[in-house]
């Protein structure tokens, strides 16, 4: 794991596109100078999102219920 990778924990929530299935995710904070990311595997889309904006974006349960609250800290 790169030195700039910080473990944030393991989180469980409903899978976004598979009704009735649960998702378990190990989350990490990574510092990078990269500004362009491509979706891969189960990741359908990558966007820049500002939680304090009024953007109308449909977020996966894991993002909405766990990741956004970490960004507010």
N, C-alpha and C. Protein backbone atom coordinates (compact mmCIF):
# COMPACT_ATOMS: atom_id res chain seq x y z
N UNK A 1 0.84 -1.17 0.00
CA UNK A 1 0.00 0.00 0.00
C UNK A 1 0.90 1.25 0.00
N UNK A 2 0.61 2.24 -0.86
CA UNK A 2 1.41 3.46 -0.88
C UNK A 2 1.37 4.17 0.48
N UNK A 3 2.43 4.89 0.85
CA UNK A 3 2.47 5.56 2.15
C UNK A 3 1.36 6.60 2.34
N UNK A 4 0.81 7.12 1.25
CA UNK A 4 -0.24 8.13 1.36
C UNK A 4 -1.63 7.52 1.56
N UNK A 5 -1.72 6.20 1.69
CA UNK A 5 -2.99 5.50 1.86
C UNK A 5 -3.31 5.34 3.34
N UNK A 6 -4.48 5.85 3.75
CA UNK A 6 -4.89 5.77 5.15
C UNK A 6 -6.19 4.97 5.24
N UNK A 7 -6.19 3.85 5.98
CA UNK A 7 -7.43 3.07 6.12
C UNK A 7 -8.49 3.84 6.91
N UNK A 8 -9.72 3.83 6.41
CA UNK A 8 -10.83 4.52 7.07
C UNK A 8 -11.79 3.55 7.75
N UNK A 9 -11.74 2.29 7.37
CA UNK A 9 -12.60 1.30 8.00
C UNK A 9 -13.31 0.41 6.99
N UNK A 10 -14.09 -0.52 7.50
CA UNK A 10 -14.90 -1.43 6.69
C UNK A 10 -16.35 -1.03 6.89
N UNK A 11 -17.08 -0.90 5.78
CA UNK A 11 -18.46 -0.43 5.83
C UNK A 11 -19.36 -1.40 5.07
N UNK A 12 -20.59 -1.53 5.53
CA UNK A 12 -21.58 -2.41 4.91
C UNK A 12 -22.84 -1.60 4.61
N UNK A 13 -23.38 -1.80 3.41
CA UNK A 13 -24.64 -1.14 3.05
C UNK A 13 -25.26 -1.91 1.89
N UNK A 14 -26.44 -1.48 1.47
CA UNK A 14 -27.13 -2.11 0.34
C UNK A 14 -26.35 -1.86 -0.95
N UNK A 15 -26.28 -2.88 -1.80
CA UNK A 15 -25.65 -2.72 -3.12
C UNK A 15 -26.52 -1.80 -3.97
N UNK A 16 -25.89 -0.92 -4.73
CA UNK A 16 -26.62 0.09 -5.50
C UNK A 16 -27.47 -0.51 -6.62
N UNK A 17 -26.94 -1.48 -7.34
CA UNK A 17 -27.63 -1.99 -8.52
C UNK A 17 -28.01 -3.46 -8.43
N UNK A 18 -28.00 -4.01 -7.23
CA UNK A 18 -28.36 -5.41 -7.04
C UNK A 18 -29.32 -5.52 -5.86
N UNK A 19 -30.63 -5.34 -6.12
CA UNK A 19 -31.62 -5.37 -5.04
C UNK A 19 -31.49 -6.61 -4.16
N UNK A 20 -31.55 -6.40 -2.85
CA UNK A 20 -31.49 -7.49 -1.90
C UNK A 20 -30.08 -7.95 -1.56
N UNK A 21 -29.07 -7.33 -2.14
CA UNK A 21 -27.69 -7.72 -1.86
C UNK A 21 -26.99 -6.65 -1.03
N UNK A 22 -26.07 -7.11 -0.18
CA UNK A 22 -25.29 -6.20 0.66
C UNK A 22 -23.89 -6.05 0.07
N UNK A 23 -23.30 -4.91 0.34
CA UNK A 23 -21.95 -4.60 -0.10
C UNK A 23 -21.07 -4.41 1.13
N UNK A 24 -19.90 -4.99 1.14
CA UNK A 24 -18.92 -4.78 2.20
C UNK A 24 -17.72 -4.12 1.52
N UNK A 25 -17.32 -2.95 2.02
CA UNK A 25 -16.24 -2.20 1.38
C UNK A 25 -15.20 -1.77 2.41
N UNK A 26 -13.94 -1.99 2.09
CA UNK A 26 -12.84 -1.45 2.86
C UNK A 26 -12.49 -0.11 2.23
N UNK A 27 -12.59 0.97 3.01
CA UNK A 27 -12.39 2.32 2.48
C UNK A 27 -11.03 2.86 2.90
N UNK A 28 -10.40 3.61 1.99
CA UNK A 28 -9.10 4.21 2.23
C UNK A 28 -9.11 5.66 1.75
N UNK A 29 -8.34 6.49 2.41
CA UNK A 29 -8.12 7.86 1.96
C UNK A 29 -6.76 7.86 1.27
N UNK A 30 -6.71 8.42 0.05
CA UNK A 30 -5.48 8.44 -0.73
C UNK A 30 -5.20 9.87 -1.17
N UNK A 31 -4.00 10.33 -0.94
CA UNK A 31 -3.58 11.65 -1.43
C UNK A 31 -2.90 11.46 -2.78
N UNK A 32 -3.31 12.26 -3.76
CA UNK A 32 -2.74 12.13 -5.10
C UNK A 32 -2.83 13.47 -5.83
N UNK A 33 -1.97 13.64 -6.80
CA UNK A 33 -2.02 14.81 -7.67
C UNK A 33 -2.86 14.52 -8.92
N UNK A 34 -3.29 13.28 -9.08
CA UNK A 34 -4.11 12.88 -10.23
C UNK A 34 -5.42 13.65 -10.25
N UNK A 35 -5.89 13.98 -11.44
CA UNK A 35 -7.19 14.65 -11.57
C UNK A 35 -8.12 13.90 -12.52
N UNK A 36 -7.63 12.84 -13.14
CA UNK A 36 -8.44 12.08 -14.09
C UNK A 36 -8.46 10.62 -13.64
N UNK A 37 -9.67 10.09 -13.44
CA UNK A 37 -9.84 8.72 -12.98
C UNK A 37 -10.83 8.01 -13.90
N UNK A 38 -10.60 6.73 -14.15
CA UNK A 38 -11.50 5.94 -15.00
C UNK A 38 -12.20 4.88 -14.16
N UNK A 39 -13.50 4.67 -14.39
CA UNK A 39 -14.20 3.62 -13.66
C UNK A 39 -13.71 2.24 -14.12
N UNK A 40 -13.72 1.30 -13.20
CA UNK A 40 -13.31 -0.07 -13.53
C UNK A 40 -14.08 -1.04 -12.63
N UNK A 41 -14.11 -2.30 -13.03
CA UNK A 41 -14.78 -3.37 -12.29
C UNK A 41 -16.23 -2.96 -12.00
N UNK A 42 -16.63 -2.95 -10.73
CA UNK A 42 -18.02 -2.63 -10.37
C UNK A 42 -18.31 -1.14 -10.35
N UNK A 43 -17.31 -0.31 -10.51
CA UNK A 43 -17.50 1.15 -10.49
C UNK A 43 -18.03 1.59 -11.85
N UNK A 44 -19.24 2.14 -11.86
CA UNK A 44 -19.90 2.50 -13.11
C UNK A 44 -19.51 3.89 -13.60
N UNK A 45 -19.29 4.82 -12.66
CA UNK A 45 -19.05 6.20 -13.06
C UNK A 45 -18.16 6.89 -12.02
N UNK A 46 -17.31 7.79 -12.50
CA UNK A 46 -16.46 8.60 -11.62
C UNK A 46 -16.79 10.06 -11.91
N UNK A 47 -17.14 10.81 -10.86
CA UNK A 47 -17.45 12.23 -11.02
C UNK A 47 -16.76 13.04 -9.92
N UNK A 48 -16.57 14.32 -10.16
CA UNK A 48 -16.17 15.24 -9.09
C UNK A 48 -17.45 15.72 -8.45
N UNK A 49 -17.53 15.62 -7.14
CA UNK A 49 -18.75 15.95 -6.42
C UNK A 49 -18.42 16.79 -5.21
N UNK A 50 -19.09 17.91 -5.07
CA UNK A 50 -18.92 18.79 -3.91
C UNK A 50 -20.16 18.62 -3.03
N UNK A 51 -20.02 17.99 -1.85
CA UNK A 51 -21.18 17.72 -0.99
C UNK A 51 -21.99 18.96 -0.63
N UNK A 52 -21.36 20.11 -0.53
CA UNK A 52 -22.10 21.32 -0.14
C UNK A 52 -22.83 21.98 -1.32
N UNK A 53 -22.62 21.47 -2.53
CA UNK A 53 -23.30 22.05 -3.69
C UNK A 53 -24.73 21.55 -3.77
N UNK A 54 -25.49 22.13 -4.65
CA UNK A 54 -26.88 21.71 -4.85
C UNK A 54 -27.00 20.78 -6.05
N UNK A 55 -25.91 20.07 -6.37
CA UNK A 55 -25.92 19.13 -7.49
C UNK A 55 -26.95 18.04 -7.24
N UNK A 56 -27.75 17.75 -8.25
CA UNK A 56 -28.68 16.63 -8.15
C UNK A 56 -27.99 15.40 -8.72
N UNK A 57 -27.46 14.57 -7.84
CA UNK A 57 -26.73 13.38 -8.23
C UNK A 57 -27.27 12.19 -7.45
N UNK A 58 -27.54 11.10 -8.16
CA UNK A 58 -27.99 9.89 -7.48
C UNK A 58 -26.75 9.17 -6.96
N UNK A 59 -26.65 9.03 -5.65
CA UNK A 59 -25.49 8.40 -5.04
C UNK A 59 -25.84 7.00 -4.54
N UNK A 60 -24.88 6.12 -4.59
CA UNK A 60 -25.05 4.77 -4.06
C UNK A 60 -25.23 4.83 -2.55
N UNK A 61 -25.96 3.88 -1.96
CA UNK A 61 -26.18 3.90 -0.51
C UNK A 61 -24.88 4.01 0.30
N UNK A 62 -23.83 3.28 -0.10
CA UNK A 62 -22.57 3.34 0.63
C UNK A 62 -22.02 4.77 0.65
N UNK A 63 -22.07 5.44 -0.48
CA UNK A 63 -21.58 6.83 -0.56
C UNK A 63 -22.45 7.75 0.28
N UNK A 64 -23.76 7.65 0.09
CA UNK A 64 -24.70 8.53 0.78
C UNK A 64 -24.67 8.34 2.30
N UNK A 65 -24.60 7.09 2.75
CA UNK A 65 -24.74 6.79 4.17
C UNK A 65 -23.44 6.75 4.95
N UNK A 66 -22.31 6.64 4.27
CA UNK A 66 -21.04 6.49 5.00
C UNK A 66 -19.96 7.50 4.55
N UNK A 67 -19.74 7.59 3.25
CA UNK A 67 -18.63 8.42 2.75
C UNK A 67 -18.90 9.91 2.96
N UNK A 68 -20.10 10.38 2.65
CA UNK A 68 -20.38 11.81 2.80
C UNK A 68 -20.17 12.31 4.22
N UNK A 69 -20.54 11.51 5.22
CA UNK A 69 -20.36 11.94 6.60
C UNK A 69 -18.88 12.05 6.95
N UNK A 70 -18.03 11.23 6.33
CA UNK A 70 -16.58 11.33 6.57
C UNK A 70 -16.02 12.60 5.95
N UNK A 71 -16.58 13.06 4.84
CA UNK A 71 -16.10 14.27 4.19
C UNK A 71 -16.41 15.52 4.99
N UNK A 72 -17.45 15.46 5.82
CA UNK A 72 -17.85 16.61 6.63
C UNK A 72 -16.95 16.82 7.82
N UNK A 73 -16.13 15.85 8.16
CA UNK A 73 -15.24 15.96 9.34
C UNK A 73 -14.08 16.86 9.08
